[in-house]
Amino acid sequence: MIDMFTDIIPVNNVTLGVLKMNVKETGRTHSRPTGEEGKEIGLKMNEHHFKLWGWGLNHVSVEPDSSILDVGCGGGRAVSILAELAENGKIYGIDHSQDMVDLATEYNSKELELGRVTIMESSVSELPFPYDEFDLVTAFETCYFWPDLEEGLREIKRVLKKGGTLLIVNEMYDHELFTERNSPYNTAKGMNIYSAEEYRKALTSAGFLAIEIDEVPEDNWITVVAKK
């Protein structure tokens, strides 16, 4: 457990920016944020998702010398949090939007200068890293937009060290309490809302072990932890 987040619990997610947008626009704007609009989205997510990240990170242990990859790093604040937790480690952030890479680079400029953080443009489908590279891979609010969930999971498993951990944290998942609200997002181009069972099935198929899922149905929050 992580001391800096021990008091963070889910809150009513009407405060989170993605839910205030037009559903049809969400898939377009959030899957690959670009331009001034994309920068605004990245900055908003840096603020709106802080509590969500904290709740999710309380499900894993981060050692000071951990090697960590954040997939879909967006505005870069999650990378900064991970760098603070792994104070003697190395943190990589990837995003397939160059504008988000630029924003995350700016946000983490001090740590980049120290060589502790690297931000790169890349897709989860083809990660630019060797086998068995990372102790922890995080995916905050990004699985919705992957072109193929299982393919992305297999690629993440490839770059994880044996016994390494994957952490998935999302503010929306397919659940009966939120069917009316979430269903339109599944029809948005480039966006998919998965159920807890669909995550479990995809992770199992991709070869992950020790899968644990924590749901907060009343807030529609989900954290998934799995081991290589």
C-alpha atoms as a PDB file:
ATOM      1  CA  MET A   1       0.000   0.000   0.000  1.00  0.00           C
ATOM      2  CA  ILE A   2       1.141   3.552  -0.690  1.00  0.00           C
ATOM      3  CA  ASP A   3       1.145   6.039   2.165  1.00  0.00           C
ATOM      4  CA  MET A   4       0.615   9.145   0.029  1.00  0.00           C
ATOM      5  CA  PHE A   5      -2.766   7.796  -1.082  1.00  0.00           C
ATOM      6  CA  THR A   6      -4.060   5.951   1.982  1.00  0.00           C
ATOM      7  CA  ASP A   7      -6.905   8.409   2.544  1.00  0.00           C
ATOM      8  CA  ILE A   8      -8.123   8.441  -1.056  1.00  0.00           C
ATOM      9  CA  ILE A   9     -11.433   6.742  -1.726  1.00  0.00           C
ATOM     10  CA  PRO A  10     -13.743   6.917  -4.731  1.00  0.00           C
ATOM     11  CA  VAL A  11     -15.900   9.993  -5.086  1.00  0.00           C
ATOM     12  CA  ASN A  12     -18.937  10.638  -7.217  1.00  0.00           C
ATOM     13  CA  ASN A  13     -17.421  10.688 -10.696  1.00  0.00           C
ATOM     14  CA  VAL A  14     -19.506  13.552 -12.017  1.00  0.00           C
ATOM     15  CA  THR A  15     -16.363  15.557 -11.281  1.00  0.00           C
ATOM     16  CA  LEU A  16     -14.459  13.672 -13.969  1.00  0.00           C
ATOM     17  CA  GLY A  17     -14.203  15.480 -17.281  1.00  0.00           C
ATOM     18  CA  VAL A  18     -14.899  12.604 -19.644  1.00  0.00           C
ATOM     19  CA  LEU A  19     -18.460  12.268 -18.416  1.00  0.00           C
ATOM     20  CA  LYS A  20     -19.304  15.892 -19.136  1.00  0.00           C
ATOM     21  CA  MET A  21     -18.540  15.631 -22.848  1.00  0.00           C
ATOM     22  CA  ASN A  22     -20.719  14.709 -25.759  1.00  0.00           C
ATOM     23  CA  VAL A  23     -20.575  10.914 -26.010  1.00  0.00           C
ATOM     24  CA  LYS A  24     -19.837  10.832 -29.730  1.00  0.00           C
ATOM     25  CA  GLU A  25     -17.018  13.329 -29.266  1.00  0.00           C
ATOM     26  CA  THR A  26     -15.381  11.438 -26.402  1.00  0.00           C
ATOM     27  CA  GLY A  27     -13.984   8.637 -28.560  1.00  0.00           C
ATOM     28  CA  ARG A  28     -12.509  11.111 -31.029  1.00  0.00           C
ATOM     29  CA  THR A  29     -11.035  13.586 -28.587  1.00  0.00           C
ATOM     30  CA  HIS A  30      -9.810  11.237 -25.850  1.00  0.00           C
ATOM     31  CA  SER A  31      -8.442   8.364 -27.925  1.00  0.00           C
ATOM     32  CA  ARG A  32      -5.739  10.593 -29.420  1.00  0.00           C
ATOM     33  CA  PRO A  33      -5.847  14.113 -27.961  1.00  0.00           C
ATOM     34  CA  THR A  34      -4.308  16.578 -30.402  1.00  0.00           C
ATOM     35  CA  GLY A  35      -3.844  20.313 -30.869  1.00  0.00           C
ATOM     36  CA  GLU A  36      -5.035  22.921 -28.408  1.00  0.00           C
ATOM     37  CA  GLU A  37      -8.164  20.895 -27.673  1.00  0.00           C
ATOM     38  CA  GLY A  38      -6.012  17.883 -26.865  1.00  0.00           C
ATOM     39  CA  LYS A  39      -3.730  19.908 -24.610  1.00  0.00           C
ATOM     40  CA  GLU A  40      -6.750  21.181 -22.699  1.00  0.00           C
ATOM     41  CA  ILE A  41      -7.997  17.617 -22.262  1.00  0.00           C
ATOM     42  CA  GLY A  42      -4.588  16.474 -21.030  1.00  0.00           C
ATOM     43  CA  LEU A  43      -4.395  19.267 -18.477  1.00  0.00           C
ATOM     44  CA  LYS A  44      -7.916  18.578 -17.238  1.00  0.00           C
ATOM     45  CA  MET A  45      -7.197  14.877 -16.865  1.00  0.00           C
ATOM     46  CA  ASN A  46      -4.102  15.715 -14.810  1.00  0.00           C
ATOM     47  CA  GLU A  47      -6.473  17.254 -12.279  1.00  0.00           C
ATOM     48  CA  HIS A  48      -9.649  15.184 -12.583  1.00  0.00           C
ATOM     49  CA  HIS A  49      -8.001  11.757 -12.371  1.00  0.00           C
ATOM     50  CA  PHE A  50      -5.726  12.347  -9.385  1.00  0.00           C
ATOM     51  CA  LYS A  51      -8.054  10.671  -6.872  1.00  0.00           C
ATOM     52  CA  LEU A  52      -8.713   7.794  -9.255  1.00  0.00           C
ATOM     53  CA  TRP A  53      -4.977   7.196  -9.708  1.00  0.00           C
ATOM     54  CA  GLY A  54      -4.432   7.276  -5.971  1.00  0.00           C
ATOM     55  CA  TRP A  55      -7.174   4.767  -5.294  1.00  0.00           C
ATOM     56  CA  GLY A  56      -5.781   2.457  -7.959  1.00  0.00           C
ATOM     57  CA  LEU A  57      -2.179   2.729  -6.824  1.00  0.00           C
ATOM     58  CA  ASN A  58      -3.175   1.687  -3.330  1.00  0.00           C
ATOM     59  CA  HIS A  59      -3.620  -1.821  -4.780  1.00  0.00           C
ATOM     60  CA  VAL A  60       0.076  -2.311  -5.565  1.00  0.00           C
ATOM     61  CA  SER A  61       3.468  -1.934  -3.904  1.00  0.00           C
ATOM     62  CA  VAL A  62       5.985   0.339  -5.605  1.00  0.00           C
ATOM     63  CA  GLU A  63       9.588  -0.273  -4.614  1.00  0.00           C
ATOM     64  CA  PRO A  64      11.986   2.706  -4.593  1.00  0.00           C
ATOM     65  CA  ASP A  65      14.100   1.229  -7.399  1.00  0.00           C
ATOM     66  CA  SER A  66      11.210   0.038  -9.593  1.00  0.00           C
ATOM     67  CA  SER A  67      11.319   0.182 -13.363  1.00  0.00           C
ATOM     68  CA  ILE A  68       7.851   1.375 -14.445  1.00  0.00           C
ATOM     69  CA  LEU A  69       5.991   1.961 -17.691  1.00  0.00           C
ATOM     70  CA  ASP A  70       2.851   4.101 -17.863  1.00  0.00           C
ATOM     71  CA  VAL A  71       0.838   3.256 -20.989  1.00  0.00           C
ATOM     72  CA  GLY A  72      -1.203   6.160 -22.348  1.00  0.00           C
ATOM     73  CA  CYS A  73       0.497   8.750 -20.150  1.00  0.00           C
ATOM     74  CA  GLY A  74      -1.578  11.676 -21.434  1.00  0.00           C
ATOM     75  CA  GLY A  75      -0.744  14.911 -19.639  1.00  0.00           C
ATOM     76  CA  GLY A  76       2.002  13.248 -17.602  1.00  0.00           C
ATOM     77  CA  ARG A  77       0.900  13.704 -14.010  1.00  0.00           C
ATOM     78  CA  ALA A  78       0.653   9.952 -13.389  1.00  0.00           C
ATOM     79  CA  VAL A  79       4.262   9.619 -14.553  1.00  0.00           C
ATOM     80  CA  SER A  80       5.227  12.304 -12.030  1.00  0.00           C
ATOM     81  CA  ILE A  81       3.420  10.437  -9.234  1.00  0.00           C
ATOM     82  CA  LEU A  82       5.170   7.193 -10.182  1.00  0.00           C
ATOM     83  CA  ALA A  83       8.548   8.957 -10.235  1.00  0.00           C
ATOM     84  CA  GLU A  84       7.889  10.231  -6.717  1.00  0.00           C
ATOM     85  CA  LEU A  85       6.996   6.751  -5.490  1.00  0.00           C
ATOM     86  CA  ALA A  86       9.952   5.040  -7.196  1.00  0.00           C
ATOM     87  CA  GLU A  87      12.450   7.646  -6.093  1.00  0.00           C
ATOM     88  CA  ASN A  88      15.479   5.617  -7.195  1.00  0.00           C
ATOM     89  CA  GLY A  89      13.820   3.975 -10.167  1.00  0.00           C
ATOM     90  CA  LYS A  90      13.254   4.699 -13.840  1.00  0.00           C
ATOM     91  CA  ILE A  91       9.875   5.716 -15.243  1.00  0.00           C
ATOM     92  CA  TYR A  92       8.790   5.578 -18.879  1.00  0.00           C
ATOM     93  CA  GLY A  93       5.607   7.101 -20.241  1.00  0.00           C
ATOM     94  CA  ILE A  94       4.245   6.370 -23.696  1.00  0.00           C
ATOM     95  CA  ASP A  95       1.369   7.873 -25.638  1.00  0.00           C
ATOM     96  CA  HIS A  96       0.397   7.567 -29.292  1.00  0.00           C
ATOM     97  CA  SER A  97      -0.363  11.286 -29.463  1.00  0.00           C
ATOM     98  CA  GLN A  98       2.734  13.404 -30.034  1.00  0.00           C
ATOM     99  CA  ASP A  99       0.922  16.362 -28.491  1.00  0.00           C
ATOM    100  CA  MET A 100       0.449  14.381 -25.279  1.00  0.00           C
ATOM    101  CA  VAL A 101       4.098  13.330 -25.396  1.00  0.00           C
ATOM    102  CA  ASP A 102       5.040  17.015 -25.597  1.00  0.00           C
ATOM    103  CA  LEU A 103       2.700  17.921 -22.728  1.00  0.00           C
ATOM    104  CA  ALA A 104       3.926  15.073 -20.511  1.00  0.00           C
ATOM    105  CA  THR A 105       7.526  16.000 -21.328  1.00  0.00           C
ATOM    106  CA  GLU A 106       6.892  19.563 -20.213  1.00  0.00           C
ATOM    107  CA  TYR A 107       5.126  18.419 -17.043  1.00  0.00           C
ATOM    108  CA  ASN A 108       8.053  16.144 -16.098  1.00  0.00           C
ATOM    109  CA  SER A 109      10.864  18.386 -17.327  1.00  0.00           C
ATOM    110  CA  LYS A 110      12.893  18.294 -14.093  1.00  0.00           C
ATOM    111  CA  GLU A 111      12.846  14.507 -13.852  1.00  0.00           C
ATOM    112  CA  LEU A 112      13.699  14.214 -17.537  1.00  0.00           C
ATOM    113  CA  GLU A 113      16.765  16.388 -16.999  1.00  0.00           C
ATOM    114  CA  LEU A 114      17.832  14.055 -14.186  1.00  0.00           C
ATOM    115  CA  GLY A 115      17.402  11.045 -16.471  1.00  0.00           C
ATOM    116  CA  ARG A 116      14.775   9.445 -14.247  1.00  0.00           C
ATOM    117  CA  VAL A 117      11.861   9.872 -16.657  1.00  0.00           C
ATOM    118  CA  THR A 118      11.560   9.245 -20.394  1.00  0.00           C
ATOM    119  CA  ILE A 119       8.466  10.088 -22.447  1.00  0.00           C
ATOM    120  CA  MET A 120       8.023   8.502 -25.883  1.00  0.00           C
ATOM    121  CA  GLU A 121       5.485   8.326 -28.695  1.00  0.00           C
ATOM    122  CA  SER A 122       4.316   4.736 -29.057  1.00  0.00           C
ATOM    123  CA  SER A 123       1.272   2.496 -29.301  1.00  0.00           C
ATOM    124  CA  VAL A 124       0.462  -0.214 -26.780  1.00  0.00           C
ATOM    125  CA  SER A 125       0.277  -2.616 -29.726  1.00  0.00           C
ATOM    126  CA  GLU A 126       4.003  -2.272 -30.440  1.00  0.00           C
ATOM    127  CA  LEU A 127       6.012  -1.206 -27.400  1.00  0.00           C
ATOM    128  CA  PRO A 128       9.605  -0.077 -28.112  1.00  0.00           C
ATOM    129  CA  PHE A 129      11.129  -2.059 -25.254  1.00  0.00           C
ATOM    130  CA  PRO A 130      12.892  -5.422 -24.875  1.00  0.00           C
ATOM    131  CA  TYR A 131      11.423  -8.459 -23.146  1.00  0.00           C
ATOM    132  CA  ASP A 132      11.362  -8.527 -19.338  1.00  0.00           C
ATOM    133  CA  GLU A 133      12.043  -4.810 -18.827  1.00  0.00           C
ATOM    134  CA  PHE A 134       9.565  -3.534 -16.212  1.00  0.00           C
ATOM    135  CA  ASP A 135       8.561  -4.319 -12.645  1.00  0.00           C
ATOM    136  CA  LEU A 136       5.246  -2.495 -13.052  1.00  0.00           C
ATOM    137  CA  VAL A 137       3.128  -1.385 -16.003  1.00  0.00           C
ATOM    138  CA  THR A 138       0.236   0.983 -15.362  1.00  0.00           C
ATOM    139  CA  ALA A 139      -2.726   1.774 -17.586  1.00  0.00           C
ATOM    140  CA  PHE A 140      -4.902   4.578 -16.253  1.00  0.00           C
ATOM    141  CA  GLU A 141      -8.051   5.422 -18.204  1.00  0.00           C
ATOM    142  CA  THR A 142      -6.647   4.080 -21.472  1.00  0.00           C
ATOM    143  CA  CYS A 143      -7.870   0.521 -22.165  1.00  0.00           C
ATOM    144  CA  TYR A 144     -11.085   1.953 -23.625  1.00  0.00           C
ATOM    145  CA  PHE A 145      -9.136   3.220 -26.621  1.00  0.00           C
ATOM    146  CA  TRP A 146      -6.795   0.326 -27.414  1.00  0.00           C
ATOM    147  CA  PRO A 147      -7.368  -1.102 -30.905  1.00  0.00           C
ATOM    148  CA  ASP A 148      -7.342  -4.645 -29.478  1.00  0.00           C
ATOM    149  CA  LEU A 149      -7.503  -5.276 -25.727  1.00  0.00           C
ATOM    150  CA  GLU A 150      -5.971  -8.746 -25.724  1.00  0.00           C
ATOM    151  CA  GLU A 151      -3.220  -7.772 -28.160  1.00  0.00           C
ATOM    152  CA  GLY A 152      -2.290  -4.840 -25.951  1.00  0.00           C
ATOM    153  CA  LEU A 153      -2.229  -7.074 -22.879  1.00  0.00           C
ATOM    154  CA  ARG A 154       0.046  -9.584 -24.614  1.00  0.00           C
ATOM    155  CA  GLU A 155       2.454  -6.825 -25.554  1.00  0.00           C
ATOM    156  CA  ILE A 156       2.487  -5.539 -21.980  1.00  0.00           C
ATOM    157  CA  LYS A 157       3.150  -9.055 -20.686  1.00  0.00           C
ATOM    158  CA  ARG A 158       6.124  -9.292 -23.050  1.00  0.00           C
ATOM    159  CA  VAL A 159       7.846  -6.251 -21.518  1.00  0.00           C
ATOM    160  CA  LEU A 160       7.055  -7.143 -17.892  1.00  0.00           C
ATOM    161  CA  LYS A 161       9.644  -8.964 -15.841  1.00  0.00           C
ATOM    162  CA  LYS A 162       8.724 -12.402 -14.522  1.00  0.00           C
ATOM    163  CA  GLY A 163       6.587 -11.725 -11.471  1.00  0.00           C
ATOM    164  CA  GLY A 164       5.982  -8.163 -12.646  1.00  0.00           C
ATOM    165  CA  THR A 165       2.647  -6.447 -12.144  1.00  0.00           C
ATOM    166  CA  LEU A 166       0.088  -4.886 -14.460  1.00  0.00           C
ATOM    167  CA  LEU A 167      -2.247  -2.288 -12.940  1.00  0.00           C
ATOM    168  CA  ILE A 168      -5.362  -1.169 -14.835  1.00  0.00           C
ATOM    169  CA  VAL A 169      -7.478   1.616 -13.334  1.00  0.00           C
ATOM    170  CA  ASN A 170     -10.643   2.992 -14.934  1.00  0.00           C
ATOM    171  CA  GLU A 171     -13.502   5.276 -13.926  1.00  0.00           C
ATOM    172  CA  MET A 172     -15.973   3.378 -16.118  1.00  0.00           C
ATOM    173  CA  TYR A 173     -16.675  -0.311 -16.636  1.00  0.00           C
ATOM    174  CA  ASP A 174     -19.624  -2.311 -17.865  1.00  0.00           C
ATOM    175  CA  HIS A 175     -21.948  -2.810 -14.898  1.00  0.00           C
ATOM    176  CA  GLU A 176     -25.724  -3.051 -14.602  1.00  0.00           C
ATOM    177  CA  LEU A 177     -25.932  -0.008 -12.324  1.00  0.00           C
ATOM    178  CA  PHE A 178     -24.536   2.183 -15.106  1.00  0.00           C
ATOM    179  CA  THR A 179     -25.902   0.466 -18.212  1.00  0.00           C
ATOM    180  CA  GLU A 180     -27.985   3.441 -19.309  1.00  0.00           C
ATOM    181  CA  ARG A 181     -25.130   5.896 -18.885  1.00  0.00           C
ATOM    182  CA  ASN A 182     -22.316   3.727 -20.274  1.00  0.00           C
ATOM    183  CA  SER A 183     -24.012   2.044 -23.230  1.00  0.00           C
ATOM    184  CA  PRO A 184     -23.662   5.059 -25.563  1.00  0.00           C
ATOM    185  CA  TYR A 185     -19.898   5.070 -25.007  1.00  0.00           C
ATOM    186  CA  ASN A 186     -19.689   1.571 -26.469  1.00  0.00           C
ATOM    187  CA  THR A 187     -21.210   2.954 -29.647  1.00  0.00           C
ATOM    188  CA  ALA A 188     -18.729   5.843 -29.835  1.00  0.00           C
ATOM    189  CA  LYS A 189     -16.136   5.278 -32.536  1.00  0.00           C
ATOM    190  CA  GLY A 190     -12.841   4.075 -31.102  1.00  0.00           C
ATOM    191  CA  MET A 191     -14.099   3.408 -27.579  1.00  0.00           C
ATOM    192  CA  ASN A 192     -15.071   0.256 -25.675  1.00  0.00           C
ATOM    193  CA  ILE A 193     -16.309  -0.133 -22.101  1.00  0.00           C
ATOM    194  CA  TYR A 194     -15.393  -3.569 -20.710  1.00  0.00           C
ATOM    195  CA  SER A 195     -16.890  -5.553 -17.839  1.00  0.00           C
ATOM    196  CA  ALA A 196     -14.872  -7.040 -14.992  1.00  0.00           C
ATOM    197  CA  GLU A 197     -15.375 -10.488 -16.513  1.00  0.00           C
ATOM    198  CA  GLU A 198     -14.174  -9.296 -19.911  1.00  0.00           C
ATOM    199  CA  TYR A 199     -10.975  -7.977 -18.307  1.00  0.00           C
ATOM    200  CA  ARG A 200     -10.477 -11.273 -16.510  1.00  0.00           C
ATOM    201  CA  LYS A 201     -11.053 -13.282 -19.681  1.00  0.00           C
ATOM    202  CA  ALA A 202      -8.700 -11.143 -21.781  1.00  0.00           C
ATOM    203  CA  LEU A 203      -5.967 -11.249 -19.128  1.00  0.00           C
ATOM    204  CA  THR A 204      -6.267 -15.008 -18.770  1.00  0.00           C
ATOM    205  CA  SER A 205      -6.102 -15.460 -22.539  1.00  0.00           C
ATOM    206  CA  ALA A 206      -3.021 -13.198 -22.666  1.00  0.00           C
ATOM    207  CA  GLY A 207      -1.302 -15.418 -20.106  1.00  0.00           C
ATOM    208  CA  PHE A 208      -1.512 -13.327 -16.944  1.00  0.00           C
ATOM    209  CA  LEU A 209      -1.723 -14.906 -13.499  1.00  0.00           C
ATOM    210  CA  ALA A 210      -3.058 -13.990 -10.051  1.00  0.00           C
ATOM    211  CA  ILE A 211      -5.746 -11.698 -11.455  1.00  0.00           C
ATOM    212  CA  GLU A 212      -7.471  -9.570  -8.812  1.00  0.00           C
ATOM    213  CA  ILE A 213     -10.312  -7.154  -9.526  1.00  0.00           C
ATOM    214  CA  ASP A 214     -11.644  -4.527  -7.160  1.00  0.00           C
ATOM    215  CA  GLU A 215     -14.937  -2.899  -8.096  1.00  0.00           C
ATOM    216  CA  VAL A 216     -16.734   0.072  -6.611  1.00  0.00           C
ATOM    217  CA  PRO A 217     -20.107  -0.358  -8.342  1.00  0.00           C
ATOM    218  CA  GLU A 218     -21.731   2.717  -6.833  1.00  0.00           C
ATOM    219  CA  ASP A 219     -19.066   4.914  -8.441  1.00  0.00           C
ATOM    220  CA  ASN A 220     -18.372   2.657 -11.451  1.00  0.00           C
ATOM    221  CA  TRP A 221     -14.657   2.518 -10.615  1.00  0.00           C
ATOM    222  CA  ILE A 222     -12.543  -0.559 -11.268  1.00  0.00           C
ATOM    223  CA  THR A 223      -8.966  -1.622 -10.564  1.00  0.00           C
ATOM    224  CA  VAL A 224      -7.445  -4.731 -12.077  1.00  0.00           C
ATOM    225  CA  VAL A 225      -4.131  -6.199 -10.896  1.00  0.00           C
ATOM    226  CA  ALA A 226      -2.424  -9.118 -12.640  1.00  0.00           C
ATOM    227  CA  LYS A 227       0.973 -10.814 -12.572  1.00  0.00           C
ATOM    228  CA  LYS A 228       3.246 -12.162 -15.274  1.00  0.00           C
END
